[in-house]
Amino acid sequence: MARGYSHIVIGAGAIGSAAAYWLAQAGVERVLVLEQFDLVNTLGSSGDHSRIIRRAYHRPEYTRLTDAMYAAWAHVEEQSGLTLFTRTGGIDLAAAGSAGEDEVDEYRRAMDAASIPYEDLSIDDIRERYPQWHVPDDTIGLFQQDGGILDIRRSVSVHTALALAAGAEFRPRTKVTGVAVHERGVTVSTADGPIDADHLVVAAASWLGDLMPDLGLNFSLTLSQEQVAYFVPERPRDFAPERFPIWIHHADEVHYGFPVYGEAAVKIARDMRGHYISSGERVFDGDAGEHVRLRRFLAEFLPAAAGPLLSTKTCVYDMPPDRDFVLDIVPGRPHVAVFNGAGHAGKFAGLVGRIIADLLTVGSTPHELSAFSLTRPAIIDPDFVPRFRLRSAVGDDR
């Protein structure tokens, strides 16, 4: 079915734009990217300034990808001349003897398995190095030097621009209404009519569920509307990237945050807020109750950052039952690739784009992807108990 395009990519966000770039890098001609909104928009999951990028992760399957992840961003920075990654270091904090410390231990084990260096911090180390933190005496810390900020919105712009320059075609304001998968190609339906292609990449984020029946997929996809808030600190320079790292605080709830970047304010959020929605229920205005909760956290642990609210932003986590990626070829359809980021894929977007391009051009990748397959228990077992907190496979279901 070579009447139309070689490859169609559904979605021009962080993953779709990266896939388009790497397909063009592989020499593929006739690449078409379909985006329901404008290009480089703020309506998907990649519209804010920043995402955490880190090596400290809950499973070795992710940590082992981080060398290639950083290399993919370095390549695109070199090609574009623009900075996407700002190294700040990253710190994980928890109370000694708590379930939060168990999570930090999982990070240690994952980095040990990949021979990635890190530093354990005592309470005295934390207070001396980062006096911004006001934490109890039983707090432990884990520091990893490569943690930092990925400018996610700029990454979409860069991948899109480089793909356009290489000849890829982008069609904004073109909503996909259906997909027909044939033995040797696909037909994608849009309001402007059907489009044929030899290969398909589905990077539709929280809209994946609308297309799953057409793709022969039926796993549970849970959507949670999340919210971040920007607060103006007393002295913004005390929270500048060269003075203050990205951070994750592991307790009954997981909070995470950033130094001053993108806005003249610090950014904070809860991971897995758990405000469950359908794809048509997303709103873009922040919930006032949420930023009150976030300021309360800052007042307790980072009091110099608990200043006036500058702004709030929302995004959607789209999650399989185990909250691990889906990164695979549809079984029996070697010309169709699907990605789902489970609410934590931004840092890997460049590498994921390259992996997808490899799978659809040379048919393989050097990376081990079995943990992200469409045939794992969380996808095929209807009785799999969902667990949305980022823990190892043997962790609890919080």
Protein backbone atom coordinates (compact mmCIF):
# COMPACT_ATOMS: atom_id res chain seq x y z
CA MET A 1 0.00 0.00 0.00
CA ALA A 2 2.53 2.59 -1.12
CA ARG A 3 -0.03 4.94 -2.59
CA GLY A 4 0.36 7.49 0.18
CA TYR A 5 3.13 7.87 2.74
CA SER A 6 5.89 5.65 3.97
CA HIS A 7 5.22 6.41 7.65
CA ILE A 8 2.38 8.20 9.42
CA VAL A 9 2.97 9.42 12.97
CA ILE A 10 -0.14 10.16 15.05
CA GLY A 11 0.68 12.90 17.56
CA ALA A 12 3.27 15.68 17.31
CA GLY A 13 4.14 15.92 21.00
CA ALA A 14 7.42 14.94 22.63
CA ILE A 15 7.36 11.36 21.33
CA GLY A 16 5.79 11.89 17.91
CA SER A 17 8.07 14.78 16.98
CA ALA A 18 11.12 12.75 18.08
CA ALA A 19 9.98 9.74 16.07
CA ALA A 20 9.54 11.94 13.00
CA TYR A 21 13.05 13.36 13.45
CA TRP A 22 14.71 9.96 13.84
CA LEU A 23 12.78 8.50 10.92
CA ALA A 24 14.08 11.36 8.78
CA GLN A 25 17.59 10.77 10.15
CA ALA A 26 17.27 7.15 9.03
CA GLY A 27 16.65 8.34 5.49
CA VAL A 28 12.93 7.68 5.40
CA GLU A 29 11.06 9.78 2.86
CA ARG A 30 7.34 10.59 2.86
CA VAL A 31 6.91 10.91 6.63
CA LEU A 32 3.61 12.51 7.68
CA VAL A 33 2.83 13.66 11.23
CA LEU A 34 -0.81 14.29 12.14
CA GLU A 35 -1.55 16.58 15.10
CA GLN A 36 -5.04 17.44 16.29
CA PHE A 37 -3.95 20.83 17.71
CA ASP A 38 -1.41 23.40 16.56
CA LEU A 39 2.24 22.43 16.42
CA VAL A 40 4.24 22.90 19.65
CA ASN A 41 1.01 23.51 21.54
CA THR A 42 0.40 23.62 25.29
CA LEU A 43 -2.65 21.33 25.24
CA GLY A 44 -0.93 17.95 25.49
CA SER A 45 1.62 16.58 27.94
CA SER A 46 4.60 18.59 26.68
CA GLY A 47 3.49 22.19 27.01
CA ASP A 48 5.26 23.22 30.20
CA HIS A 49 8.86 24.41 30.47
CA SER A 50 10.43 21.57 32.38
CA ARG A 51 10.58 17.87 33.14
CA ILE A 52 12.89 16.08 35.53
CA ILE A 53 15.64 14.10 33.83
CA ARG A 54 17.50 11.62 36.00
CA ARG A 55 19.33 8.34 36.30
CA ALA A 56 17.82 7.48 39.70
CA TYR A 57 14.82 5.31 38.81
CA HIS A 58 12.70 2.66 40.44
CA ARG A 59 13.57 -0.16 38.03
CA PRO A 60 16.84 -1.13 36.32
CA GLU A 61 14.99 -1.45 33.01
CA TYR A 62 14.76 2.35 32.95
CA THR A 63 18.14 3.10 34.48
CA ARG A 64 19.89 0.97 31.85
CA LEU A 65 18.44 3.23 29.16
CA THR A 66 19.83 6.45 30.62
CA ASP A 67 23.22 6.40 28.85
CA ALA A 68 21.42 6.28 25.50
CA MET A 69 18.82 8.78 26.75
CA TYR A 70 21.44 11.41 27.55
CA ALA A 71 23.26 10.65 24.29
CA ALA A 72 20.06 11.23 22.28
CA TRP A 73 19.57 14.66 23.87
CA ALA A 74 23.23 15.55 23.35
CA HIS A 75 22.89 14.64 19.66
CA VAL A 76 19.86 16.86 19.15
CA GLU A 77 21.50 19.72 21.07
CA GLU A 78 24.51 19.45 18.76
CA GLN A 79 22.32 19.34 15.66
CA SER A 80 20.20 22.33 16.71
CA GLY A 81 22.69 24.44 18.66
CA LEU A 82 20.08 24.80 21.41
CA THR A 83 20.30 23.72 25.05
CA LEU A 84 17.68 21.21 26.15
CA PHE A 85 19.31 19.72 29.27
CA THR A 86 20.41 21.74 32.29
CA ARG A 87 22.34 19.69 34.85
CA THR A 88 21.46 20.59 38.44
CA GLY A 89 22.05 17.29 40.18
CA GLY A 90 19.14 15.44 41.71
CA ILE A 91 18.30 14.65 45.31
CA ASP A 92 15.85 12.08 46.69
CA LEU A 93 14.72 12.52 50.30
CA ALA A 94 12.90 10.22 52.71
CA ALA A 95 12.56 9.46 56.41
CA ALA A 96 14.87 6.71 57.63
CA GLY A 97 13.06 3.42 58.11
CA SER A 98 10.02 4.50 56.10
CA ALA A 99 8.40 3.14 52.95
CA GLY A 100 9.89 6.21 51.27
CA GLU A 101 13.37 5.00 52.13
CA ASP A 102 12.46 1.65 50.57
CA GLU A 103 11.80 3.52 47.33
CA VAL A 104 15.15 5.28 47.58
CA ASP A 105 16.76 1.87 48.12
CA GLU A 106 15.16 0.73 44.86
CA TYR A 107 16.88 3.64 43.13
CA ARG A 108 20.21 2.59 44.65
CA ARG A 109 19.79 -0.99 43.46
CA ALA A 110 18.84 0.10 39.96
CA MET A 111 21.89 2.36 39.70
CA ASP A 112 24.17 -0.31 41.19
CA ALA A 113 22.98 -2.73 38.51
CA ALA A 114 23.98 -0.20 35.83
CA SER A 115 27.23 0.87 37.57
CA ILE A 116 25.98 4.45 37.89
CA PRO A 117 27.64 6.46 40.68
CA TYR A 118 25.64 8.23 43.38
CA GLU A 119 26.17 9.67 46.82
CA ASP A 120 24.35 8.92 50.08
CA LEU A 121 23.70 12.06 52.11
CA SER A 122 23.34 12.30 55.88
CA ILE A 123 21.11 14.90 57.47
CA ASP A 124 24.20 17.04 58.09
CA ASP A 125 25.18 16.74 54.42
CA ILE A 126 21.71 17.80 53.32
CA ARG A 127 21.62 20.83 55.60
CA GLU A 128 25.12 21.96 54.71
CA ARG A 129 24.76 21.50 50.97
CA TYR A 130 21.14 22.64 50.60
CA PRO A 131 20.17 24.92 53.50
CA GLN A 132 16.92 25.66 51.68
CA TRP A 133 15.61 22.33 53.02
CA HIS A 134 14.12 22.26 56.54
CA VAL A 135 13.79 18.52 57.15
CA PRO A 136 13.63 16.35 60.29
CA ASP A 137 16.73 14.78 61.81
CA ASP A 138 15.79 11.31 60.52
CA THR A 139 15.89 12.39 56.86
CA ILE A 140 18.22 10.53 54.49
CA GLY A 141 19.26 11.70 51.05
CA LEU A 142 20.48 10.25 47.76
CA PHE A 143 22.30 12.52 45.33
CA GLN A 144 23.03 11.76 41.69
CA GLN A 145 25.08 14.28 39.76
CA ASP A 146 23.42 13.85 36.35
CA GLY A 147 19.92 14.83 37.44
CA GLY A 148 18.54 18.02 36.02
CA ILE A 149 15.96 19.78 33.89
CA LEU A 150 14.81 18.81 30.42
CA ASP A 151 13.19 21.70 28.59
CA ILE A 152 10.33 19.60 27.28
CA ARG A 153 8.54 22.26 25.25
CA ARG A 154 11.75 23.29 23.54
CA SER A 155 12.49 19.62 22.81
CA VAL A 156 9.23 19.37 20.88
CA SER A 157 10.07 22.54 18.97
CA VAL A 158 13.58 21.30 18.16
CA HIS A 159 12.53 17.83 17.02
CA THR A 160 9.72 19.34 14.95
CA ALA A 161 11.97 21.93 13.32
CA LEU A 162 14.71 19.41 12.50
CA ALA A 163 12.17 16.96 11.10
CA LEU A 164 10.61 19.69 8.95
CA ALA A 165 14.04 20.71 7.69
CA ALA A 166 14.71 17.08 6.75
CA GLY A 167 11.53 16.89 4.67
CA ALA A 168 8.94 15.45 7.05
CA GLU A 169 5.43 16.81 6.60
CA PHE A 170 3.35 17.98 9.57
CA ARG A 171 -0.39 18.59 9.42
CA PRO A 172 -1.66 20.50 12.45
CA ARG A 173 -5.34 20.74 13.32
CA THR A 174 -5.90 17.31 11.82
CA LYS A 175 -7.69 14.96 14.19
CA VAL A 176 -7.43 11.24 13.56
CA THR A 177 -10.85 9.61 13.81
CA GLY A 178 -9.90 6.01 13.11
CA VAL A 179 -7.28 3.57 11.88
CA ALA A 180 -7.61 0.54 9.64
CA VAL A 181 -4.63 -1.81 9.93
CA HIS A 182 -4.06 -3.94 6.85
CA GLU A 183 -1.69 -6.82 6.34
CA ARG A 184 0.81 -4.60 4.54
CA GLY A 185 -0.16 -1.06 5.45
CA VAL A 186 -2.62 1.22 7.20
CA THR A 187 -5.35 3.68 6.38
CA VAL A 188 -5.77 6.58 8.77
CA SER A 189 -9.12 8.36 8.78
CA THR A 190 -9.30 12.11 9.33
CA ALA A 191 -11.91 14.80 8.86
CA ASP A 192 -10.16 15.64 5.61
CA GLY A 193 -10.39 12.10 4.32
CA PRO A 194 -8.42 8.84 4.52
CA ILE A 195 -4.63 8.67 4.20
CA ASP A 196 -2.67 5.52 3.34
CA ALA A 197 0.78 4.60 4.59
CA ASP A 198 3.09 1.62 4.77
CA HIS A 199 3.89 2.09 8.48
CA LEU A 200 2.25 3.70 11.50
CA VAL A 201 3.48 5.22 14.75
CA VAL A 202 0.84 5.87 17.41
CA ALA A 203 2.05 8.42 19.96
CA ALA A 204 -1.34 9.80 20.94
CA ALA A 205 -0.76 10.12 24.70
CA SER A 206 -4.05 10.35 26.62
CA TRP A 207 -6.01 9.98 23.38
CA LEU A 208 -4.61 6.49 22.75
CA GLY A 209 -7.72 4.90 24.21
CA ASP A 210 -9.83 6.27 21.38
CA LEU A 211 -7.73 4.33 18.87
CA MET A 212 -7.08 1.12 20.79
CA PRO A 213 -10.04 -0.85 19.38
CA ASP A 214 -8.86 -0.12 15.84
CA LEU A 215 -5.37 -1.33 16.76
CA GLY A 216 -6.60 -4.56 18.30
CA LEU A 217 -5.58 -3.43 21.81
CA ASN A 218 -7.82 -3.70 24.85
CA PHE A 219 -5.72 -3.11 27.95
CA SER A 220 -6.88 -0.74 30.66
CA LEU A 221 -5.69 2.84 30.22
CA THR A 222 -6.28 5.05 33.25
CA LEU A 223 -6.14 8.84 32.96
CA SER A 224 -5.37 11.11 35.90
CA GLN A 225 -5.38 14.88 35.64
CA GLU A 226 -2.30 16.21 37.39
CA GLN A 227 -1.37 19.75 38.38
CA VAL A 228 1.83 21.70 38.98
CA ALA A 229 2.19 25.07 40.64
CA TYR A 230 4.80 27.83 40.44
CA PHE A 231 5.51 29.78 43.65
CA VAL A 232 7.66 32.90 43.92
CA PRO A 233 10.41 32.41 46.54
CA GLU A 234 11.65 35.12 48.87
CA ARG A 235 15.01 35.18 47.09
CA PRO A 236 14.76 33.55 43.64
CA ARG A 237 18.54 33.38 43.26
CA ASP A 238 18.70 30.97 46.24
CA PHE A 239 16.74 28.52 44.09
CA ALA A 240 18.66 29.08 40.85
CA PRO A 241 19.68 25.89 38.99
CA GLU A 242 23.32 26.28 39.99
CA ARG A 243 22.33 26.44 43.68
CA PHE A 244 19.38 24.10 44.01
CA PRO A 245 18.75 20.69 42.41
CA ILE A 246 15.72 18.93 41.08
CA TRP A 247 14.24 16.89 43.92
CA ILE A 248 11.81 14.12 44.88
CA HIS A 249 10.47 13.74 48.42
CA HIS A 250 9.29 10.20 49.16
CA ALA A 251 6.64 9.91 51.89
CA ASP A 252 2.99 8.86 52.06
CA GLU A 253 2.65 11.18 49.09
CA VAL A 254 5.46 11.78 46.61
CA HIS A 255 6.22 15.43 45.91
CA TYR A 256 8.74 16.61 43.36
CA GLY A 257 10.07 19.96 42.26
CA PHE A 258 12.46 22.16 40.35
CA PRO A 259 14.69 25.15 40.87
CA VAL A 260 13.73 28.44 39.24
CA TYR A 261 13.47 27.72 35.51
CA GLY A 262 11.19 28.95 32.75
CA GLU A 263 9.30 31.14 35.20
CA ALA A 264 10.70 33.34 37.99
CA ALA A 265 9.41 30.79 40.47
CA VAL A 266 9.98 27.29 41.79
CA LYS A 267 7.80 24.49 40.45
CA ILE A 268 6.23 21.78 42.62
CA ALA A 269 3.71 18.98 42.19
CA ARG A 270 2.48 15.75 43.67
CA ASP A 271 3.16 12.63 41.66
CA MET A 272 0.00 10.65 40.96
CA ARG A 273 -2.58 13.07 42.32
CA GLY A 274 -5.23 10.55 41.34
CA HIS A 275 -7.88 12.85 39.87
CA TYR A 276 -9.26 10.30 37.42
CA ILE A 277 -10.92 11.47 34.21
CA SER A 278 -11.91 10.38 30.73
CA SER A 279 -10.11 11.80 27.70
CA GLY A 280 -12.91 14.31 27.12
CA GLU A 281 -12.97 15.62 30.70
CA ARG A 282 -9.61 17.34 30.84
CA VAL A 283 -9.61 20.97 31.97
CA PHE A 284 -6.77 23.45 31.72
CA ASP A 285 -7.51 25.61 34.76
CA GLY A 286 -5.84 24.62 38.00
CA ASP A 287 -7.71 23.46 41.10
CA ALA A 288 -7.29 26.04 43.89
CA GLY A 289 -7.33 23.33 46.54
CA GLU A 290 -4.29 21.68 45.00
CA HIS A 291 -2.03 24.70 45.12
CA VAL A 292 -3.02 25.21 48.78
CA ARG A 293 -1.78 21.67 49.50
CA LEU A 294 1.43 22.30 47.60
CA ARG A 295 2.15 25.55 49.42
CA ARG A 296 1.58 23.71 52.71
CA PHE A 297 4.35 21.27 51.75
CA LEU A 298 6.69 24.13 50.89
CA ALA A 299 5.90 25.94 54.13
CA GLU A 300 6.95 22.85 56.07
CA PHE A 301 10.02 21.74 54.14
CA LEU A 302 11.12 24.62 51.86
CA PRO A 303 9.74 27.68 53.67
CA ALA A 304 11.76 30.23 51.67
CA ALA A 305 9.98 28.96 48.54
CA ALA A 306 6.45 29.22 49.93
CA GLY A 307 5.74 32.61 48.43
CA PRO A 308 2.90 33.91 46.26
CA LEU A 309 1.39 31.66 43.64
CA LEU A 310 2.52 32.70 40.16
CA SER A 311 0.68 30.16 38.01
CA THR A 312 -0.67 26.63 37.77
CA LYS A 313 -0.63 24.18 34.88
CA THR A 314 -2.34 20.86 34.27
CA CYS A 315 -1.39 17.71 32.40
CA VAL A 316 -2.71 14.17 32.12
CA TYR A 317 -1.06 10.92 33.12
CA ASP A 318 -2.12 8.10 30.79
CA MET A 319 -1.23 4.81 32.47
CA PRO A 320 -1.37 1.07 31.89
CA PRO A 321 -2.16 -0.92 35.06
CA ASP A 322 1.51 -1.25 36.10
CA ARG A 323 2.40 2.35 35.12
CA ASP A 324 5.26 1.16 32.95
CA PHE A 325 5.80 2.26 29.37
CA VAL A 326 4.24 0.57 26.39
CA LEU A 327 6.94 0.59 23.72
CA ASP A 328 6.35 -2.15 21.22
CA ILE A 329 5.29 -3.32 17.81
CA VAL A 330 1.65 -4.46 17.73
CA PRO A 331 1.75 -8.28 17.77
CA GLY A 332 1.32 -9.65 14.26
CA ARG A 333 1.62 -6.15 12.78
CA PRO A 334 5.33 -5.43 12.29
CA HIS A 335 4.52 -2.16 10.53
CA VAL A 336 2.66 -0.61 13.53
CA ALA A 337 4.45 0.79 16.61
CA VAL A 338 2.68 2.04 19.74
CA PHE A 339 3.99 4.10 22.63
CA ASN A 340 2.36 5.00 25.92
CA GLY A 341 4.38 6.99 28.44
CA ALA A 342 2.54 6.21 31.70
CA GLY A 343 3.03 9.74 32.99
CA HIS A 344 6.82 9.69 33.19
CA ALA A 345 8.18 9.53 29.64
CA GLY A 346 9.29 13.09 28.92
CA LYS A 347 12.91 12.51 29.86
CA PHE A 348 13.10 9.53 27.50
CA ALA A 349 11.33 11.15 24.55
CA GLY A 350 14.37 11.58 22.32
CA LEU A 351 15.53 8.00 22.86
CA VAL A 352 12.03 6.58 22.46
CA GLY A 353 11.74 8.35 19.11
CA ARG A 354 14.97 6.75 18.01
CA ILE A 355 13.90 3.29 19.20
CA ILE A 356 10.59 3.56 17.33
CA ALA A 357 12.43 4.59 14.17
CA ASP A 358 14.76 1.60 14.52
CA LEU A 359 11.90 -0.83 15.08
CA LEU A 360 10.12 0.34 11.92
CA THR A 361 13.17 0.65 9.67
CA VAL A 362 15.70 -2.05 10.62
CA GLY A 363 13.27 -4.13 12.66
CA SER A 364 15.27 -4.23 15.89
CA THR A 365 16.84 -2.15 18.65
CA PRO A 366 19.92 -2.74 20.83
CA HIS A 367 17.85 -1.95 23.92
CA GLU A 368 16.05 -4.49 26.08
CA LEU A 369 12.34 -3.66 25.92
CA SER A 370 10.60 -6.74 27.31
CA ALA A 371 9.43 -4.81 30.41
CA PHE A 372 7.51 -2.49 28.07
CA SER A 373 5.97 -5.10 25.78
CA LEU A 374 2.34 -5.49 24.79
CA THR A 375 2.45 -9.11 25.97
CA ARG A 376 3.46 -8.52 29.61
CA PRO A 377 1.03 -9.50 32.41
CA ALA A 378 -0.23 -5.98 33.12
CA ILE A 379 -1.40 -5.72 29.52
CA ILE A 380 -2.82 -9.17 28.84
CA ASP A 381 -4.06 -10.24 32.29
CA PRO A 382 -7.52 -8.76 32.97
CA ASP A 383 -7.11 -9.55 36.69
CA PHE A 384 -3.87 -7.59 37.07
CA VAL A 385 -4.22 -5.31 40.11
CA PRO A 386 -3.32 -1.73 39.11
CA ARG A 387 -0.41 -0.05 40.85
CA PHE A 388 0.20 3.56 39.95
CA ARG A 389 2.96 4.52 42.35
CA LEU A 390 6.36 4.16 40.72
CA ARG A 391 7.76 1.12 42.46
CA SER A 392 9.66 -1.95 41.34
CA ALA A 393 7.69 -4.96 40.15
CA VAL A 394 7.91 -6.43 43.67
CA GLY A 395 6.75 -3.20 45.33
CA ASP A 396 3.35 -2.54 46.83
CA ASP A 397 0.32 -1.32 44.92
CA ARG A 398 0.20 2.26 46.19
